[in-house]
Amino acid sequence: MPDTAIPGPTAHPTDAATYTALHADATALLGDWQPTSPDAARARDRTLRLLDAGPIAMSRQHRPGHITASALVLDATGSRVLLCLHGKFGRWVQLGGHCEPVDQTLVAAALREATEESGIADLRIDPVPIDVDVHPVQCQGGSLHHDVRFAVLAPPGAVEQVSDEAEELGWFPPDNLPEPLAGGTVQLVAPALAALRRSPLRLAP
């Protein structure tokens, strides 16, 4: 989820070493990744150049840009996607947000965000990204999110719970997404469905 803020004096560590393991994971993951579209390839290349700045590129304190992680959550049948009506900018968007010091991998960051923002336990995540997107945000008075996106599968009978950051959560058919929709969200549907078709995460035919 773009531009998510966590209050508190220790929420935004400035010590780049805090993110050393996460930076190494992101560099290896994106270096080996086969992009799902030409746009994703360009965004991946931009993101790898950002990572040349070192571990600080994982922190929201890095004003030239920083890595975020998000997830398109699908239900157990793959027939609906879970989106959030973001409380700050009033558009429907996939779940996700900033990396935090507790995150050792981008997969862990995306799964943590999806779990926190959906209130759903036992989510399963495909560890191969489905997209990378670079877009402007208002962090630090103006920055860029280099968002690495993943496909996540909810268990059968999952019931969502709205978090403090959302006005609403809703399940929608992939071919009938709500409006207004955040830019970059619709492009996640096709690669997410493809990922779940080839992935052991799939729980239902």
Protein backbone atom coordinates (compact mmCIF):
# COMPACT_ATOMS: atom_id res chain seq x y z
CA MET A 1 0.00 0.00 0.00
CA PRO A 2 1.62 3.30 -0.99
CA ASP A 3 2.83 5.83 1.55
CA THR A 4 2.01 3.85 4.68
CA ALA A 5 3.30 5.53 7.87
CA ILE A 6 3.97 3.95 11.25
CA PRO A 7 4.16 6.45 14.11
CA GLY A 8 6.67 6.35 16.90
CA PRO A 9 10.23 7.50 17.60
CA THR A 10 11.85 4.20 16.51
CA ALA A 11 9.68 3.52 13.48
CA HIS A 12 12.12 4.98 10.94
CA PRO A 13 15.68 3.83 11.74
CA THR A 14 18.38 5.78 9.92
CA ASP A 15 21.15 3.19 10.40
CA ALA A 16 21.56 1.63 6.97
CA ALA A 17 23.09 -1.50 8.51
CA THR A 18 19.63 -2.32 9.86
CA TYR A 19 18.65 -3.31 6.33
CA THR A 20 21.79 -5.20 5.27
CA ALA A 21 20.18 -8.63 5.05
CA LEU A 22 17.06 -7.28 3.35
CA HIS A 23 19.16 -5.36 0.83
CA ALA A 24 21.15 -8.49 -0.04
CA ASP A 25 17.93 -10.45 -0.48
CA ALA A 26 16.37 -7.79 -2.73
CA THR A 27 19.48 -7.54 -4.87
CA ALA A 28 19.68 -11.31 -5.37
CA LEU A 29 15.94 -11.73 -5.92
CA LEU A 30 15.62 -9.02 -8.56
CA GLY A 31 18.93 -9.91 -10.20
CA ASP A 32 17.65 -13.42 -10.90
CA TRP A 33 14.04 -12.48 -11.70
CA GLN A 34 12.53 -12.91 -15.16
CA PRO A 35 10.24 -9.86 -15.63
CA THR A 36 6.58 -10.45 -16.48
CA SER A 37 6.30 -7.50 -18.90
CA PRO A 38 8.45 -4.89 -20.64
CA ASP A 39 7.31 -2.27 -18.11
CA ALA A 40 8.28 -4.58 -15.25
CA ALA A 41 11.69 -5.13 -16.85
CA ARG A 42 12.33 -1.38 -17.01
CA ALA A 43 11.17 -0.95 -13.41
CA ARG A 44 13.37 -3.87 -12.31
CA ASP A 45 16.41 -2.28 -13.94
CA ARG A 46 15.67 1.07 -12.28
CA THR A 47 15.29 -0.71 -8.95
CA LEU A 48 18.60 -2.54 -9.29
CA ARG A 49 20.28 0.81 -9.95
CA LEU A 50 18.59 2.19 -6.81
CA LEU A 51 19.96 -0.74 -4.83
CA ASP A 52 23.48 0.35 -5.79
CA ALA A 53 23.02 2.99 -3.07
CA GLY A 54 23.32 0.20 -0.49
CA PRO A 55 21.06 -0.90 2.38
CA ILE A 56 19.69 2.62 2.88
CA ALA A 57 17.65 2.07 -0.31
CA MET A 58 15.40 -0.24 1.74
CA SER A 59 14.47 2.57 4.16
CA ARG A 60 11.74 5.16 3.71
CA GLN A 61 14.36 7.70 4.85
CA HIS A 62 16.06 7.42 1.45
CA ARG A 63 14.42 10.31 -0.37
CA PRO A 64 15.65 9.49 -3.91
CA GLY A 65 13.58 6.30 -3.61
CA HIS A 66 13.13 3.17 -1.55
CA ILE A 67 11.95 -0.42 -1.92
CA THR A 68 8.44 -1.41 -0.84
CA ALA A 69 6.66 -4.77 -0.97
CA SER A 70 3.05 -5.50 -1.83
CA ALA A 71 0.76 -8.44 -2.49
CA LEU A 72 -2.27 -9.21 -4.59
CA VAL A 73 -4.31 -11.54 -2.38
CA LEU A 74 -6.57 -14.07 -4.14
CA ASP A 75 -9.17 -16.28 -2.55
CA ALA A 76 -8.72 -20.05 -2.41
CA THR A 77 -10.46 -20.56 -5.76
CA GLY A 78 -8.57 -17.81 -7.56
CA SER A 79 -11.88 -16.22 -8.55
CA ARG A 80 -11.65 -13.06 -6.41
CA VAL A 81 -8.96 -10.57 -5.41
CA LEU A 82 -8.81 -8.65 -2.13
CA LEU A 83 -8.29 -4.89 -2.46
CA CYS A 84 -8.11 -2.06 0.05
CA LEU A 85 -9.74 1.35 -0.25
CA HIS A 86 -6.78 3.39 0.97
CA GLY A 87 -7.62 5.88 3.68
CA LYS A 88 -5.13 8.52 2.49
CA PHE A 89 -5.69 8.76 -1.24
CA GLY A 90 -9.13 7.21 -1.66
CA ARG A 91 -8.36 4.59 -4.30
CA TRP A 92 -8.58 0.82 -4.35
CA VAL A 93 -5.15 -0.80 -4.24
CA GLN A 94 -3.41 -4.08 -3.43
CA LEU A 95 -2.11 -4.60 0.10
CA GLY A 96 1.46 -3.64 0.95
CA GLY A 97 3.79 -0.97 2.22
CA HIS A 98 7.22 -0.07 3.55
CA CYS A 99 9.88 -2.54 4.57
CA GLU A 100 10.58 -2.65 8.30
CA PRO A 101 13.64 -3.63 10.39
CA VAL A 102 12.01 -6.98 11.26
CA ASP A 103 11.94 -8.00 7.59
CA GLN A 104 14.82 -10.19 6.44
CA THR A 105 13.45 -10.80 2.93
CA LEU A 106 11.12 -9.05 0.51
CA VAL A 107 8.85 -12.10 0.58
CA ALA A 108 8.59 -11.77 4.37
CA ALA A 109 7.85 -8.05 4.06
CA ALA A 110 5.05 -8.61 1.54
CA LEU A 111 3.54 -11.44 3.60
CA ARG A 112 3.70 -9.36 6.80
CA GLU A 113 1.97 -6.42 5.12
CA ALA A 114 -0.72 -8.65 3.59
CA THR A 115 -1.39 -10.31 6.94
CA GLU A 116 -1.50 -7.05 8.90
CA GLU A 117 -3.72 -5.25 6.42
CA SER A 118 -6.13 -8.12 5.69
CA GLY A 119 -6.41 -9.58 9.19
CA ILE A 120 -6.29 -13.04 7.56
CA ALA A 121 -4.09 -15.75 9.08
CA ASP A 122 -2.36 -18.56 7.18
CA LEU A 123 -1.83 -16.65 3.95
CA ARG A 124 0.55 -18.33 1.51
CA ILE A 125 2.88 -16.41 -0.78
CA ASP A 126 4.56 -17.31 -4.05
CA PRO A 127 8.22 -16.27 -3.54
CA VAL A 128 8.65 -15.22 -7.18
CA PRO A 129 7.63 -11.59 -7.83
CA ILE A 130 4.79 -10.96 -10.28
CA ASP A 131 5.65 -7.32 -11.00
CA VAL A 132 7.88 -4.37 -10.15
CA ASP A 133 6.54 -0.82 -10.38
CA VAL A 134 8.11 2.58 -9.75
CA HIS A 135 5.78 5.45 -8.85
CA PRO A 136 5.96 8.82 -7.05
CA VAL A 137 4.75 9.18 -3.45
CA GLN A 138 4.75 11.87 -0.75
CA CYS A 139 7.24 10.18 1.62
CA GLN A 140 9.78 12.66 2.98
CA GLY A 141 8.07 15.42 1.04
CA GLY A 142 8.40 13.58 -2.26
CA SER A 143 10.06 10.28 -3.16
CA LEU A 144 9.64 7.15 -5.28
CA HIS A 145 8.36 3.74 -4.32
CA HIS A 146 10.09 0.88 -6.08
CA ASP A 147 7.36 -1.63 -5.33
CA VAL A 148 8.05 -5.37 -5.65
CA ARG A 149 4.76 -7.26 -5.94
CA PHE A 150 3.85 -10.88 -5.08
CA ALA A 151 0.88 -13.22 -5.43
CA VAL A 152 -0.70 -14.38 -2.16
CA LEU A 153 -3.36 -17.03 -1.62
CA ALA A 154 -5.93 -16.86 1.20
CA PRO A 155 -7.18 -20.05 2.87
CA PRO A 156 -10.72 -21.33 2.25
CA GLY A 157 -13.32 -19.39 4.20
CA ALA A 158 -10.99 -16.47 4.94
CA VAL A 159 -12.71 -13.46 6.51
CA GLU A 160 -10.94 -10.12 6.20
CA GLN A 161 -10.70 -7.48 8.95
CA VAL A 162 -10.24 -3.80 8.11
CA SER A 163 -7.04 -2.27 9.52
CA ASP A 164 -6.54 1.30 10.74
CA GLU A 165 -4.99 2.28 7.41
CA ALA A 166 -7.97 1.29 5.26
CA GLU A 167 -11.46 2.64 4.86
CA GLU A 168 -12.69 -0.64 3.44
CA LEU A 169 -11.61 -4.08 2.21
CA GLY A 170 -13.43 -5.89 -0.56
CA TRP A 171 -13.29 -9.03 -2.69
CA PHE A 172 -13.74 -8.47 -6.43
CA PRO A 173 -13.76 -10.62 -9.58
CA PRO A 174 -10.48 -10.10 -11.46
CA ASP A 175 -12.36 -8.88 -14.53
CA ASN A 176 -14.54 -6.41 -12.59
CA LEU A 177 -12.29 -4.36 -10.32
CA PRO A 178 -13.68 -1.35 -8.42
CA GLU A 179 -13.25 2.34 -9.19
CA PRO A 180 -11.40 4.49 -8.51
CA LEU A 181 -8.50 2.05 -8.89
CA ALA A 182 -4.88 2.91 -8.15
CA GLY A 183 -2.58 2.98 -11.14
CA GLY A 184 -0.58 -0.21 -11.45
CA THR A 185 -3.04 -2.49 -9.64
CA VAL A 186 -4.83 -3.94 -12.66
CA GLN A 187 -1.53 -5.08 -14.17
CA LEU A 188 -1.08 -7.51 -11.26
CA VAL A 189 -4.10 -9.67 -12.04
CA ALA A 190 -2.82 -11.66 -15.02
CA PRO A 191 0.63 -12.50 -13.59
CA ALA A 192 -0.90 -13.32 -10.18
CA LEU A 193 -3.33 -15.81 -11.72
CA ALA A 194 -0.53 -17.29 -13.81
CA ALA A 195 1.65 -17.64 -10.71
CA LEU A 196 -1.05 -19.49 -8.80
CA ARG A 197 -1.69 -21.84 -11.71
CA ARG A 198 1.93 -22.97 -11.71
CA SER A 199 2.55 -22.70 -7.96
CA PRO A 200 2.10 -25.30 -5.19
CA LEU A 201 0.20 -22.60 -3.28
CA ARG A 202 -3.00 -23.43 -5.14
CA LEU A 203 -5.53 -25.00 -2.74
CA ALA A 204 -8.50 -25.50 -5.06
CA PRO A 205 -8.95 -26.49 -8.74
